[in-house]
Amino acid sequence: MSDPTQHLGLLLIDFQDVFLKAMPDRERLLRRTRFALQAAELLGVAVAATEQLPEKLGTTTEALTSIWDPNTPVFEKSAFSAFEAEGLHRWIEANQIDHLLIAGIESSICVYQTAVQALGEDIGVTLLADCISERRAEDRAPVLEQLLAMDAHVLPSETIFYSLLGSAEHPNFRDFTQLVKSASGS
């Protein structure tokens, strides 16, 4: 049986405080993204992040950097698509990623353009529905409808990570359920 986390990557797009402040659901977004990050690391999913113009807009929020593996690669970008960030293609190739789990801000701009470019490069995309956000709630539905029409997937993070576990027999099941409980309790 093959490892379902092989060839899978979690990409965290632009979780910078300057953008988070504009998100109406930022506390929920951060709680769910922390869960996804911890679940990915527990299950051995490759993780990377992007930052939009960090020298001007600041770096990834401490709410995430304080819990992620210190070796997590962070790619700076000025374009809206993460695929334009120097080094991202090398990370994808080095980890043999053929499917990206995407979390980030803003679903109607950087998340959308990243997903479109990934799909155009024959990389599968699953947007973690509870780990993406936008300033304007009315932007979400048309963006997700378009990406679904392009063969992207949109699912909650728990759905994805329970699917990766497969069963309660998985060696990390107990630790994972503790993560689920702590993420639900906030």
N, C-alpha and C. Protein backbone atom coordinates (compact mmCIF):
# COMPACT_ATOMS: atom_id res chain seq x y z
N MET A 1 0.85 -1.19 0.00
CA MET A 1 0.00 0.00 0.00
C MET A 1 0.89 1.24 0.00
N SER A 2 0.58 2.20 -0.88
CA SER A 2 1.41 3.40 -0.97
C SER A 2 1.04 4.40 0.12
N ASP A 3 1.98 5.26 0.43
CA ASP A 3 1.79 6.30 1.44
C ASP A 3 0.97 7.43 0.81
N PRO A 4 -0.23 7.72 1.36
CA PRO A 4 -1.07 8.76 0.76
C PRO A 4 -0.48 10.16 0.88
N THR A 5 0.51 10.36 1.76
CA THR A 5 1.10 11.69 1.90
C THR A 5 2.25 11.90 0.93
N GLN A 6 2.69 10.82 0.26
CA GLN A 6 3.76 10.95 -0.72
C GLN A 6 3.25 11.80 -1.88
N HIS A 7 4.05 12.69 -2.36
CA HIS A 7 3.73 13.58 -3.48
C HIS A 7 2.68 14.63 -3.14
N LEU A 8 2.49 14.89 -1.85
CA LEU A 8 1.52 15.86 -1.39
C LEU A 8 2.24 17.00 -0.68
N GLY A 9 1.80 18.22 -0.90
CA GLY A 9 2.39 19.37 -0.22
C GLY A 9 1.31 20.31 0.29
N LEU A 10 1.60 20.95 1.42
CA LEU A 10 0.72 21.99 1.97
C LEU A 10 1.40 23.32 1.73
N LEU A 11 0.72 24.22 1.03
CA LEU A 11 1.25 25.54 0.75
C LEU A 11 0.43 26.59 1.50
N LEU A 12 1.10 27.34 2.37
CA LEU A 12 0.48 28.40 3.16
C LEU A 12 0.78 29.73 2.46
N ILE A 13 -0.25 30.38 1.96
CA ILE A 13 -0.06 31.58 1.14
C ILE A 13 -0.35 32.85 1.94
N ASP A 14 0.69 33.63 2.15
CA ASP A 14 0.61 35.02 2.63
C ASP A 14 -0.13 35.21 3.95
N PHE A 15 0.17 34.39 4.93
CA PHE A 15 -0.42 34.56 6.27
C PHE A 15 0.35 35.63 7.04
N GLN A 16 0.29 36.85 6.52
CA GLN A 16 1.00 37.98 7.12
C GLN A 16 -0.01 38.82 7.89
N ASP A 17 0.42 39.37 9.02
CA ASP A 17 -0.49 40.12 9.89
C ASP A 17 -1.21 41.24 9.17
N VAL A 18 -0.53 41.93 8.25
CA VAL A 18 -1.15 43.03 7.51
C VAL A 18 -2.38 42.54 6.74
N PHE A 19 -2.35 41.34 6.22
CA PHE A 19 -3.50 40.77 5.50
C PHE A 19 -4.51 40.17 6.47
N LEU A 20 -4.01 39.50 7.50
CA LEU A 20 -4.91 38.87 8.47
C LEU A 20 -5.84 39.90 9.12
N LYS A 21 -5.33 41.10 9.37
CA LYS A 21 -6.14 42.15 10.00
C LYS A 21 -7.37 42.48 9.18
N ALA A 22 -7.31 42.29 7.87
CA ALA A 22 -8.43 42.61 6.99
C ALA A 22 -9.42 41.46 6.85
N MET A 23 -9.11 40.30 7.42
CA MET A 23 -9.99 39.14 7.29
C MET A 23 -11.05 39.17 8.39
N PRO A 24 -12.32 39.13 8.04
CA PRO A 24 -13.37 39.20 9.05
C PRO A 24 -13.40 37.98 9.98
N ASP A 25 -12.83 36.86 9.53
CA ASP A 25 -12.87 35.61 10.30
C ASP A 25 -11.47 35.17 10.72
N ARG A 26 -10.59 36.13 10.99
CA ARG A 26 -9.17 35.80 11.18
C ARG A 26 -8.89 34.82 12.32
N GLU A 27 -9.62 34.90 13.42
CA GLU A 27 -9.35 33.98 14.54
C GLU A 27 -9.67 32.54 14.15
N ARG A 28 -10.82 32.33 13.51
CA ARG A 28 -11.18 31.00 13.04
C ARG A 28 -10.19 30.53 11.99
N LEU A 29 -9.85 31.41 11.06
CA LEU A 29 -8.91 31.09 10.00
C LEU A 29 -7.57 30.64 10.58
N LEU A 30 -7.05 31.37 11.54
CA LEU A 30 -5.77 30.99 12.15
C LEU A 30 -5.89 29.69 12.94
N ARG A 31 -6.98 29.49 13.66
CA ARG A 31 -7.16 28.26 14.43
C ARG A 31 -7.18 27.05 13.50
N ARG A 32 -7.93 27.16 12.40
CA ARG A 32 -8.03 26.04 11.46
C ARG A 32 -6.73 25.81 10.71
N THR A 33 -6.04 26.89 10.39
CA THR A 33 -4.77 26.76 9.67
C THR A 33 -3.70 26.17 10.58
N ARG A 34 -3.71 26.55 11.84
CA ARG A 34 -2.77 25.93 12.79
C ARG A 34 -3.02 24.42 12.85
N PHE A 35 -4.30 24.05 12.88
CA PHE A 35 -4.65 22.63 12.88
C PHE A 35 -4.10 21.95 11.63
N ALA A 36 -4.34 22.53 10.45
CA ALA A 36 -3.88 21.93 9.19
C ALA A 36 -2.36 21.81 9.17
N LEU A 37 -1.68 22.83 9.62
CA LEU A 37 -0.21 22.81 9.67
C LEU A 37 0.28 21.69 10.58
N GLN A 38 -0.28 21.60 11.78
CA GLN A 38 0.14 20.56 12.72
C GLN A 38 -0.20 19.17 12.20
N ALA A 39 -1.36 19.02 11.57
CA ALA A 39 -1.74 17.72 11.01
C ALA A 39 -0.80 17.33 9.88
N ALA A 40 -0.48 18.28 9.01
CA ALA A 40 0.44 18.01 7.90
C ALA A 40 1.80 17.57 8.43
N GLU A 41 2.31 18.27 9.41
CA GLU A 41 3.62 17.91 9.97
C GLU A 41 3.57 16.54 10.65
N LEU A 42 2.49 16.27 11.38
CA LEU A 42 2.33 14.97 12.04
C LEU A 42 2.33 13.82 11.04
N LEU A 43 1.70 14.05 9.89
CA LEU A 43 1.57 12.98 8.89
C LEU A 43 2.68 13.00 7.84
N GLY A 44 3.63 13.89 7.97
CA GLY A 44 4.77 13.90 7.06
C GLY A 44 4.51 14.55 5.72
N VAL A 45 3.53 15.44 5.65
CA VAL A 45 3.26 16.17 4.41
C VAL A 45 4.26 17.33 4.32
N ALA A 46 4.86 17.51 3.16
CA ALA A 46 5.79 18.63 2.95
C ALA A 46 5.02 19.94 3.10
N VAL A 47 5.65 20.92 3.77
CA VAL A 47 5.01 22.21 4.03
C VAL A 47 5.93 23.33 3.55
N ALA A 48 5.34 24.34 2.92
CA ALA A 48 6.06 25.55 2.55
C ALA A 48 5.10 26.73 2.69
N ALA A 49 5.67 27.93 2.69
CA ALA A 49 4.87 29.15 2.81
C ALA A 49 5.37 30.20 1.84
N THR A 50 4.48 31.15 1.53
CA THR A 50 4.89 32.31 0.76
C THR A 50 4.59 33.57 1.56
N GLU A 51 5.33 34.63 1.21
CA GLU A 51 5.10 35.94 1.80
C GLU A 51 5.12 36.97 0.68
N GLN A 52 4.10 37.80 0.66
CA GLN A 52 4.00 38.87 -0.34
C GLN A 52 4.82 40.07 0.14
N LEU A 53 5.85 40.42 -0.60
CA LEU A 53 6.70 41.57 -0.30
C LEU A 53 6.99 41.72 1.20
N PRO A 54 7.62 40.73 1.82
CA PRO A 54 7.80 40.77 3.27
C PRO A 54 8.60 41.97 3.79
N GLU A 55 9.51 42.50 2.96
CA GLU A 55 10.29 43.65 3.42
C GLU A 55 9.40 44.88 3.60
N LYS A 56 8.27 44.92 2.93
CA LYS A 56 7.33 46.04 3.07
C LYS A 56 6.12 45.68 3.91
N LEU A 57 5.66 44.42 3.80
CA LEU A 57 4.39 44.03 4.41
C LEU A 57 4.54 43.13 5.63
N GLY A 58 5.76 42.78 6.00
CA GLY A 58 5.98 41.93 7.15
C GLY A 58 6.00 40.45 6.78
N THR A 59 6.40 39.65 7.73
CA THR A 59 6.57 38.21 7.50
C THR A 59 5.35 37.44 8.01
N THR A 60 5.40 36.14 7.86
CA THR A 60 4.31 35.26 8.30
C THR A 60 4.03 35.47 9.78
N THR A 61 2.77 35.45 10.13
CA THR A 61 2.35 35.68 11.51
C THR A 61 2.99 34.69 12.48
N GLU A 62 3.30 35.18 13.65
CA GLU A 62 3.90 34.34 14.69
C GLU A 62 2.96 33.21 15.10
N ALA A 63 1.66 33.39 14.91
CA ALA A 63 0.70 32.33 15.25
C ALA A 63 1.01 31.04 14.49
N LEU A 64 1.65 31.15 13.33
CA LEU A 64 2.05 29.97 12.56
C LEU A 64 3.53 29.67 12.71
N THR A 65 4.38 30.68 12.64
CA THR A 65 5.82 30.43 12.71
C THR A 65 6.24 29.85 14.05
N SER A 66 5.47 30.13 15.09
CA SER A 66 5.82 29.62 16.42
C SER A 66 5.58 28.11 16.54
N ILE A 67 4.81 27.53 15.61
CA ILE A 67 4.53 26.09 15.72
C ILE A 67 5.08 25.28 14.56
N TRP A 68 5.52 25.92 13.49
CA TRP A 68 5.97 25.11 12.36
C TRP A 68 7.41 24.70 12.52
N ASP A 69 7.79 23.69 11.77
CA ASP A 69 9.16 23.21 11.74
C ASP A 69 10.04 24.39 11.32
N PRO A 70 11.12 24.66 12.08
CA PRO A 70 11.97 25.80 11.74
C PRO A 70 12.62 25.70 10.35
N ASN A 71 12.62 24.52 9.77
CA ASN A 71 13.18 24.35 8.42
C ASN A 71 12.15 24.55 7.31
N THR A 72 10.95 24.98 7.66
CA THR A 72 9.92 25.21 6.66
C THR A 72 10.39 26.28 5.69
N PRO A 73 10.42 25.96 4.39
CA PRO A 73 10.84 26.98 3.43
C PRO A 73 9.78 28.06 3.26
N VAL A 74 10.26 29.30 3.19
CA VAL A 74 9.38 30.45 2.97
C VAL A 74 9.87 31.16 1.72
N PHE A 75 8.96 31.33 0.76
CA PHE A 75 9.31 31.93 -0.52
C PHE A 75 8.71 33.33 -0.62
N GLU A 76 9.57 34.31 -0.88
CA GLU A 76 9.12 35.68 -1.07
C GLU A 76 8.59 35.85 -2.48
N LYS A 77 7.55 36.69 -2.60
CA LYS A 77 6.99 36.92 -3.92
C LYS A 77 6.48 38.35 -4.05
N SER A 78 6.41 38.80 -5.28
CA SER A 78 5.75 40.08 -5.56
C SER A 78 4.54 39.85 -6.46
N ALA A 79 4.58 38.79 -7.27
CA ALA A 79 3.42 38.42 -8.10
C ALA A 79 2.36 37.83 -7.18
N PHE A 80 1.14 37.78 -7.66
CA PHE A 80 0.07 37.23 -6.83
C PHE A 80 0.11 35.71 -6.78
N SER A 81 0.47 35.04 -7.86
CA SER A 81 0.58 33.59 -7.85
C SER A 81 1.85 33.16 -7.13
N ALA A 82 1.72 32.20 -6.23
CA ALA A 82 2.89 31.67 -5.53
C ALA A 82 3.86 31.00 -6.50
N PHE A 83 3.37 30.57 -7.64
CA PHE A 83 4.25 29.90 -8.60
C PHE A 83 5.28 30.83 -9.21
N GLU A 84 5.11 32.11 -9.02
CA GLU A 84 6.09 33.08 -9.50
C GLU A 84 7.19 33.34 -8.46
N ALA A 85 7.05 32.76 -7.27
CA ALA A 85 8.06 32.94 -6.22
C ALA A 85 9.30 32.12 -6.54
N GLU A 86 10.45 32.76 -6.47
CA GLU A 86 11.70 32.06 -6.74
C GLU A 86 11.89 30.92 -5.73
N GLY A 87 12.15 29.73 -6.25
CA GLY A 87 12.41 28.58 -5.39
C GLY A 87 11.22 27.64 -5.21
N LEU A 88 10.01 28.12 -5.49
CA LEU A 88 8.84 27.26 -5.27
C LEU A 88 8.87 26.04 -6.19
N HIS A 89 9.20 26.23 -7.45
CA HIS A 89 9.27 25.08 -8.36
C HIS A 89 10.30 24.06 -7.89
N ARG A 90 11.43 24.54 -7.38
CA ARG A 90 12.47 23.61 -6.88
C ARG A 90 11.93 22.82 -5.69
N TRP A 91 11.19 23.46 -4.80
CA TRP A 91 10.60 22.78 -3.64
C TRP A 91 9.63 21.71 -4.12
N ILE A 92 8.79 22.04 -5.10
CA ILE A 92 7.83 21.08 -5.64
C ILE A 92 8.57 19.89 -6.25
N GLU A 93 9.59 20.18 -7.04
CA GLU A 93 10.36 19.10 -7.68
C GLU A 93 11.11 18.27 -6.64
N ALA A 94 11.76 18.90 -5.70
CA ALA A 94 12.54 18.18 -4.69
C ALA A 94 11.67 17.24 -3.86
N ASN A 95 10.43 17.65 -3.61
CA ASN A 95 9.51 16.83 -2.81
C ASN A 95 8.59 15.97 -3.68
N GLN A 96 8.81 16.01 -4.99
CA GLN A 96 8.01 15.24 -5.95
C GLN A 96 6.51 15.44 -5.75
N ILE A 97 6.13 16.70 -5.55
CA ILE A 97 4.73 17.04 -5.27
C ILE A 97 3.93 17.06 -6.56
N ASP A 98 2.85 16.31 -6.56
CA ASP A 98 1.94 16.36 -7.70
C ASP A 98 0.52 16.80 -7.29
N HIS A 99 0.37 17.12 -5.99
CA HIS A 99 -0.91 17.63 -5.50
C HIS A 99 -0.64 18.59 -4.35
N LEU A 100 -1.23 19.79 -4.45
CA LEU A 100 -1.07 20.80 -3.40
C LEU A 100 -2.35 20.97 -2.60
N LEU A 101 -2.18 21.01 -1.30
CA LEU A 101 -3.23 21.47 -0.39
C LEU A 101 -2.94 22.94 -0.21
N ILE A 102 -3.92 23.80 -0.43
CA ILE A 102 -3.68 25.24 -0.37
C ILE A 102 -4.49 25.86 0.76
N ALA A 103 -3.79 26.64 1.58
CA ALA A 103 -4.40 27.46 2.62
C ALA A 103 -3.88 28.87 2.39
N GLY A 104 -4.70 29.88 2.66
CA GLY A 104 -4.14 31.21 2.50
C GLY A 104 -5.11 32.33 2.30
N ILE A 105 -4.49 33.46 2.05
CA ILE A 105 -5.18 34.74 1.88
C ILE A 105 -4.70 35.31 0.55
N GLU A 106 -5.41 35.79 -0.21
CA GLU A 106 -6.84 35.96 -0.16
C GLU A 106 -7.40 35.06 -1.24
N SER A 107 -8.50 34.36 -0.95
CA SER A 107 -8.99 33.34 -1.88
C SER A 107 -9.28 33.90 -3.26
N SER A 108 -9.68 35.15 -3.35
CA SER A 108 -10.04 35.74 -4.64
C SER A 108 -8.85 36.32 -5.41
N ILE A 109 -7.67 36.31 -4.79
CA ILE A 109 -6.51 36.90 -5.47
C ILE A 109 -5.37 35.87 -5.50
N CYS A 110 -4.55 35.84 -4.48
CA CYS A 110 -3.35 34.99 -4.49
C CYS A 110 -3.68 33.50 -4.48
N VAL A 111 -4.66 33.10 -3.70
CA VAL A 111 -5.04 31.68 -3.66
C VAL A 111 -5.58 31.27 -5.03
N TYR A 112 -6.44 32.09 -5.60
CA TYR A 112 -7.02 31.79 -6.91
C TYR A 112 -5.93 31.67 -7.98
N GLN A 113 -5.07 32.69 -8.07
CA GLN A 113 -4.05 32.69 -9.12
C GLN A 113 -3.05 31.54 -8.94
N THR A 114 -2.73 31.20 -7.70
CA THR A 114 -1.84 30.06 -7.44
C THR A 114 -2.50 28.76 -7.90
N ALA A 115 -3.76 28.58 -7.55
CA ALA A 115 -4.48 27.36 -7.92
C ALA A 115 -4.58 27.23 -9.44
N VAL A 116 -4.90 28.32 -10.12
CA VAL A 116 -5.01 28.29 -11.58
C VAL A 116 -3.67 27.89 -12.20
N GLN A 117 -2.59 28.48 -11.71
CA GLN A 117 -1.28 28.16 -12.27
C GLN A 117 -0.88 26.72 -11.97
N ALA A 118 -1.16 26.24 -10.75
CA ALA A 118 -0.85 24.83 -10.41
C ALA A 118 -1.61 23.89 -11.34
N LEU A 119 -2.89 24.13 -11.51
CA LEU A 119 -3.69 23.28 -12.39
C LEU A 119 -3.16 23.33 -13.82
N GLY A 120 -2.73 24.49 -14.26
CA GLY A 120 -2.16 24.64 -15.59
C GLY A 120 -0.85 23.88 -15.77
N GLU A 121 -0.18 23.59 -14.66
CA GLU A 121 1.06 22.82 -14.69
C GLU A 121 0.83 21.36 -14.31
N ASP A 122 -0.42 20.93 -14.38
CA ASP A 122 -0.82 19.55 -14.08
C ASP A 122 -0.50 19.12 -12.65
N ILE A 123 -0.61 20.06 -11.74
CA ILE A 123 -0.48 19.76 -10.31
C ILE A 123 -1.89 19.84 -9.74
N GLY A 124 -2.32 18.77 -9.09
CA GLY A 124 -3.65 18.76 -8.49
C GLY A 124 -3.74 19.78 -7.37
N VAL A 125 -4.95 20.27 -7.13
CA VAL A 125 -5.16 21.30 -6.12
C VAL A 125 -6.37 20.95 -5.26
N THR A 126 -6.19 21.02 -3.95
CA THR A 126 -7.31 20.97 -3.01
C THR A 126 -7.21 22.21 -2.14
N LEU A 127 -8.22 23.05 -2.21
CA LEU A 127 -8.29 24.21 -1.32
C LEU A 127 -8.87 23.74 0.00
N LEU A 128 -8.20 24.04 1.09
CA LEU A 128 -8.72 23.71 2.41
C LEU A 128 -9.76 24.77 2.76
N ALA A 129 -11.03 24.42 2.65
CA ALA A 129 -12.13 25.38 2.73
C ALA A 129 -12.12 26.20 4.01
N ASP A 130 -11.68 25.60 5.11
CA ASP A 130 -11.66 26.31 6.38
C ASP A 130 -10.34 27.05 6.62
N CYS A 131 -9.43 26.99 5.66
CA CYS A 131 -8.11 27.61 5.81
C CYS A 131 -7.83 28.63 4.71
N ILE A 132 -8.89 29.12 4.09
CA ILE A 132 -8.76 30.21 3.12
C ILE A 132 -9.74 31.30 3.53
N SER A 133 -9.43 32.53 3.14
CA SER A 133 -10.33 33.63 3.48
C SER A 133 -10.16 34.76 2.49
N GLU A 134 -11.07 35.71 2.60
CA GLU A 134 -11.09 36.87 1.74
C GLU A 134 -11.73 38.03 2.49
N ARG A 135 -11.40 39.25 2.07
CA ARG A 135 -11.97 40.43 2.71
C ARG A 135 -13.48 40.52 2.49
N ARG A 136 -13.91 40.18 1.29
CA ARG A 136 -15.31 40.32 0.91
C ARG A 136 -15.93 38.94 0.74
N ALA A 137 -16.86 38.59 1.60
CA ALA A 137 -17.48 37.27 1.58
C ALA A 137 -18.12 36.95 0.23
N GLU A 138 -18.62 37.96 -0.45
CA GLU A 138 -19.29 37.72 -1.73
C GLU A 138 -18.33 37.27 -2.84
N ASP A 139 -17.03 37.41 -2.62
CA ASP A 139 -16.05 36.96 -3.61
C ASP A 139 -15.82 35.45 -3.58
N ARG A 140 -16.11 34.82 -2.46
CA ARG A 140 -15.77 33.42 -2.26
C ARG A 140 -16.47 32.46 -3.24
N ALA A 141 -17.78 32.53 -3.32
CA ALA A 141 -18.53 31.56 -4.13
C ALA A 141 -18.12 31.56 -5.60
N PRO A 142 -18.05 32.71 -6.27
CA PRO A 142 -17.67 32.64 -7.69
C PRO A 142 -16.25 32.12 -7.91
N VAL A 143 -15.35 32.44 -7.01
CA VAL A 143 -13.97 31.95 -7.13
C VAL A 143 -13.95 30.43 -6.98
N LEU A 144 -14.61 29.92 -5.96
CA LEU A 144 -14.62 28.47 -5.75
C LEU A 144 -15.35 27.75 -6.87
N GLU A 145 -16.43 28.32 -7.37
CA GLU A 145 -17.15 27.70 -8.49
C GLU A 145 -16.24 27.59 -9.71
N GLN A 146 -15.50 28.66 -10.01
CA GLN A 146 -14.60 28.63 -11.15
C GLN A 146 -13.51 27.58 -10.97
N LEU A 147 -12.90 27.53 -9.79
CA LEU A 147 -11.83 26.56 -9.55
C LEU A 147 -12.36 25.12 -9.59
N LEU A 148 -13.56 24.90 -9.08
CA LEU A 148 -14.17 23.57 -9.18
C LEU A 148 -14.39 23.18 -10.64
N ALA A 149 -14.79 24.13 -11.45
CA ALA A 149 -15.00 23.86 -12.88
C ALA A 149 -13.68 23.53 -13.57
N MET A 150 -12.57 23.95 -12.98
CA MET A 150 -11.24 23.69 -13.54
C MET A 150 -10.62 22.42 -12.94
N ASP A 151 -11.39 21.66 -12.17
CA ASP A 151 -10.98 20.40 -11.55
C ASP A 151 -10.20 20.54 -10.25
N ALA A 152 -10.26 21.69 -9.62
CA ALA A 152 -9.73 21.80 -8.26
C ALA A 152 -10.75 21.14 -7.32
N HIS A 153 -10.31 20.86 -6.11
CA HIS A 153 -11.18 20.31 -5.08
C HIS A 153 -11.25 21.31 -3.94
N VAL A 154 -12.35 21.33 -3.23
CA VAL A 154 -12.53 22.21 -2.08
C VAL A 154 -13.12 21.35 -0.97
N LEU A 155 -12.34 21.16 0.10
CA LEU A 155 -12.79 20.33 1.22
C LEU A 155 -12.25 20.90 2.53
N PRO A 156 -12.94 20.63 3.64
CA PRO A 156 -12.43 21.05 4.95
C PRO A 156 -11.14 20.28 5.30
N SER A 157 -10.30 20.92 6.08
CA SER A 157 -9.02 20.30 6.43
C SER A 157 -9.19 18.97 7.17
N GLU A 158 -10.14 18.87 8.07
CA GLU A 158 -10.33 17.59 8.78
C GLU A 158 -10.67 16.47 7.81
N THR A 159 -11.47 16.76 6.80
CA THR A 159 -11.83 15.75 5.81
C THR A 159 -10.58 15.22 5.12
N ILE A 160 -9.70 16.12 4.73
CA ILE A 160 -8.46 15.74 4.04
C ILE A 160 -7.58 14.89 4.95
N PHE A 161 -7.35 15.36 6.17
CA PHE A 161 -6.40 14.65 7.04
C PHE A 161 -6.97 13.33 7.57
N TYR A 162 -8.26 13.26 7.81
CA TYR A 162 -8.85 11.95 8.15
C TYR A 162 -8.71 10.99 6.97
N SER A 163 -8.85 11.50 5.75
CA SER A 163 -8.67 10.66 4.57
C SER A 163 -7.24 10.15 4.46
N LEU A 164 -6.28 10.98 4.82
CA LEU A 164 -4.88 10.55 4.79
C LEU A 164 -4.60 9.49 5.84
N LEU A 165 -5.27 9.60 7.00
CA LEU A 165 -5.11 8.57 8.03
C LEU A 165 -5.69 7.24 7.55
N GLY A 166 -6.87 7.30 6.96
CA GLY A 166 -7.49 6.09 6.41
C GLY A 166 -8.27 5.28 7.42
N SER A 167 -7.73 5.12 8.61
CA SER A 167 -8.43 4.34 9.63
C SER A 167 -7.86 4.66 11.01
N ALA A 168 -8.57 4.16 12.01
CA ALA A 168 -8.12 4.33 13.40
C ALA A 168 -6.89 3.48 13.70
N GLU A 169 -6.50 2.63 12.76
CA GLU A 169 -5.32 1.80 12.93
C GLU A 169 -4.02 2.54 12.58
N HIS A 170 -4.14 3.73 11.99
CA HIS A 170 -2.95 4.50 11.62
C HIS A 170 -2.12 4.77 12.87
N PRO A 171 -0.80 4.66 12.79
CA PRO A 171 0.04 4.87 13.97
C PRO A 171 -0.07 6.27 14.58
N ASN A 172 -0.49 7.27 13.82
CA ASN A 172 -0.62 8.62 14.35
C ASN A 172 -2.06 8.99 14.70
N PHE A 173 -2.96 8.01 14.69
CA PHE A 173 -4.37 8.31 14.93
C PHE A 173 -4.60 8.97 16.28
N ARG A 174 -4.00 8.46 17.33
CA ARG A 174 -4.22 9.01 18.67
C ARG A 174 -3.74 10.47 18.75
N ASP A 175 -2.54 10.74 18.23
CA ASP A 175 -2.02 12.12 18.24
C ASP A 175 -2.91 13.03 17.38
N PHE A 176 -3.38 12.49 16.26
CA PHE A 176 -4.24 13.27 15.38
C PHE A 176 -5.55 13.64 16.10
N THR A 177 -6.16 12.69 16.77
CA THR A 177 -7.43 13.00 17.44
C THR A 177 -7.22 14.04 18.53
N GLN A 178 -6.05 14.06 19.16
CA GLN A 178 -5.75 15.11 20.13
C GLN A 178 -5.68 16.48 19.45
N LEU A 179 -5.09 16.52 18.26
CA LEU A 179 -5.07 17.76 17.49
C LEU A 179 -6.49 18.21 17.16
N VAL A 180 -7.33 17.29 16.73
CA VAL A 180 -8.72 17.62 16.39
C VAL A 180 -9.42 18.21 17.62
N LYS A 181 -9.23 17.59 18.76
CA LYS A 181 -9.87 18.07 19.99
C LYS A 181 -9.37 19.44 20.38
N SER A 182 -8.06 19.68 20.29
CA SER A 182 -7.53 20.99 20.67
C SER A 182 -7.95 22.07 19.69
N ALA A 183 -8.08 21.74 18.41
CA ALA A 183 -8.51 22.73 17.41
C ALA A 183 -9.99 23.05 17.54
N SER A 184 -10.76 22.09 18.03
CA SER A 184 -12.20 22.31 18.20
C SER A 184 -12.51 23.08 19.46
N GLY A 185 -11.63 22.98 20.44
CA GLY A 185 -11.88 23.57 21.74
C GLY A 185 -11.63 25.06 21.83
N SER A 186 -11.04 25.63 20.80
CA SER A 186 -10.71 27.07 20.86
C SER A 186 -11.87 27.91 20.45
